[in-house]
Amino acid sequence: MATEDKETDVKVADTSTAADEKKNEDDAVVAAVVDDAAVAAVVDRLRFFFSDANIRQDLFVRKMLIKDEGTVPIEVLLRFNTIKQHTTDVEVIKKAAKADRLSDRIQVTDDGLAIKRVKPFTLDQMNENVPLTLVVDNLPTKTDNNREVYSASPEEVRKLFEQYGEVALVKLRFAPKPREGGEANNDDLDPSETPKKKGPRVPNGSALVEFETEEALKAAAEETLTQKEGETVEPKRKIEVGEKELSVTLLKDFLVEIKKKRKAEKPAEGGNAEEKGSDEKVDDKKEEEEEKKGFSFDWKPGCVIKLEGLKDSCDRESLLDALGKSLDKTVDDVRAMKIYVDFSRGQTHGAIRFQEADDLVKQALEKFSSGDAEIAGEKVESAVILEGDDEKKYWEEFIEFKNKQIKQRQEERAGRKRGGRGGGGGRGGGGRGGGRNYMNKRQRNN
């Protein structure tokens, strides 16, 4: 009987081992499938982030590739929202970066800690988007939570044109909110102008569609153009979103028309065009002289609230919205009062900077601390008014950041003088979303 019991025990053990091995094999297959799906998704994101089109309009990435040893640390990439939704694994990033589809664009550095471009990006390339880009106008908008937003997403616009070739970038355009009776401007398109208007920005009904190659642009233009060299033409294929037919023109033609319009308007604004051109040069020279002096700031204590424990759903707009509600103000009111938000996508912390240490600071602090003020439906873990060494460090890093911005602008201005100004720049749809600030540097060093 003892022998039979041992044999039975052995048979049970063998069966159990076989089942465990089968389960492990199944888990490995599932993991491999998940891994492959994550790698494929990350390949798409890396191809976009390191593209000429994105670098031209993404100051955060451009600054690292031009200034910071020409690389982007993998740990930084893992904080990008559209990457971390697929993976938090360094090895997945490395595997994706070595994909055949990216072999002509990026490579992993020898130390395995960062990614760089095969062909470095230079400031001379800032205007190379013009011969690759269409301007799509008459995009519909709608009102959402008392804010005007686009009815179509960048991806929906992309699908309208990707049959002609790879679309490198779709950038939904915004302009400063016009005063009553006024109209939005096109400063973000004109390579000869630097946008100077600040304040609330609203959709202006158009988008830039940039292709990877001139051949793809020509194919799209051949069928979809409704404007050519300032004249209306009948397209072979009409592009519609909802019930609205879109207007399509080449960016280079659009820029020519903007210049013609401004040249015609200048004399009517008072003074002749030659005098105004001289005034503008004087203004530019004054601005350059001011920049040479550097940035300094006599900060006031008790004006900064630091927020900790921000969730992945947080972005600058949702943070501003929560701040406005905490103060019983609209977002436009908050901007008009010059209350600023320091936050970049992927961070778990941020700051709110007030002009004065008044009751508004206390009111906002109370709302965020109690959980009454939620950011995109999520409460913050903590909210405190900075004091002592922490407050001093905040302002020192802020001043350092502003001076680096000034230096960057000076270098980019010099680059544009050497190679012409580009029509890119700014933040756009199809990117990672959210703003940039000096706190990124501090987070990377933590």
Foldseek 3Di string as FASTA:
>chain_A
DVVVVVVVVVVVVVVVVVVVVVVVVVVVVVVVVLLVVLLVQLLVQVCQCQDLQNLLAPVVSVCCCVPVVNWDFLCNVCLQLSNVVSHNDLVSNQVSCPDPVNPQFKHADPVSGTMHTPDGDDLLCNAVQQLFKKKKFQFDWDADPNAIGGPDAQVRVLVLQCVLDAWNDKFFDKFADDDVPDAGDDQLQAQVHDDDDDADIHGNGMIMTGHPDSSSVVSCCQAEAQAELRDGDDGNDWDDDDHDTMHMDRSVSVNVVNVVVVQVCVVVVDDHPVVVVVVVVVVVVVVLVVLVVADDDDDDAQFKKKFAQADQVAFPVLVLCLLQVLQVHHSRVCVVQVWDKADFHSDRMIMIGHPDNDVSSVSSQVCLAVQVRARVNHHTPHMDGDDDPRVVVVVVLQSVFRSVVSVVVVVSVVSCVVNNGHSHYHDGGPHSDHDHGSVVVVVVVD
